[in-house]
C-alpha cells in the first residue's frame, strides 16, 4: 500500500472523530470533559503528523524544498494544531475550551483537504509509486 493511501485511510477515521466532536462538544457541561476529548484527539493527530513529517515530508523535501511552498505550509499547519492543543491545560472556562477544540477540528479538516487535493497527488508525481509503496511499509 502506498503511504498516501495509508494517510487517506487515517484521515477517514479522523473525519468520523471530527463529526462526533462537532456534535458533542457544544453540549458538553464541564471543562474537564472537553479537555479530555482534546487530549485524545491531540495524541492521535500528533502521531499522524509525526509520521507524515518523518516519512512523506522528509522524502519530498529534497525535491520541493522546505522553506516555502506546500511543505512549509503543511508543517506550519501541523505546528499550529499542536500549539492549539498546548493551550488546553491553561483554559479557564468551558466556553474557551469548546471554541478552541472546534477551531482545531476546523483547521484539521482544512489541512486534510489540502493534503488530499494537493500534497498527496504531488507526492504521487514526484516520488512515484514504488517509493510511495516503500514508504508505506
Foldseek 3Di string as FASTA:
>chain_A
DFQLVVLVVLVVVLVVLLVVLVVPLVVDDDLVVLLVSLVVVLVSLVVSLVLCVPQPLVVCCVPPNQPDDDNVVLVVLSVVLNVLNVCSVVDDDSVVSSVSVNVSSVSVVVSVVCCVVPVVVVCCVPVHDVSRVVSND
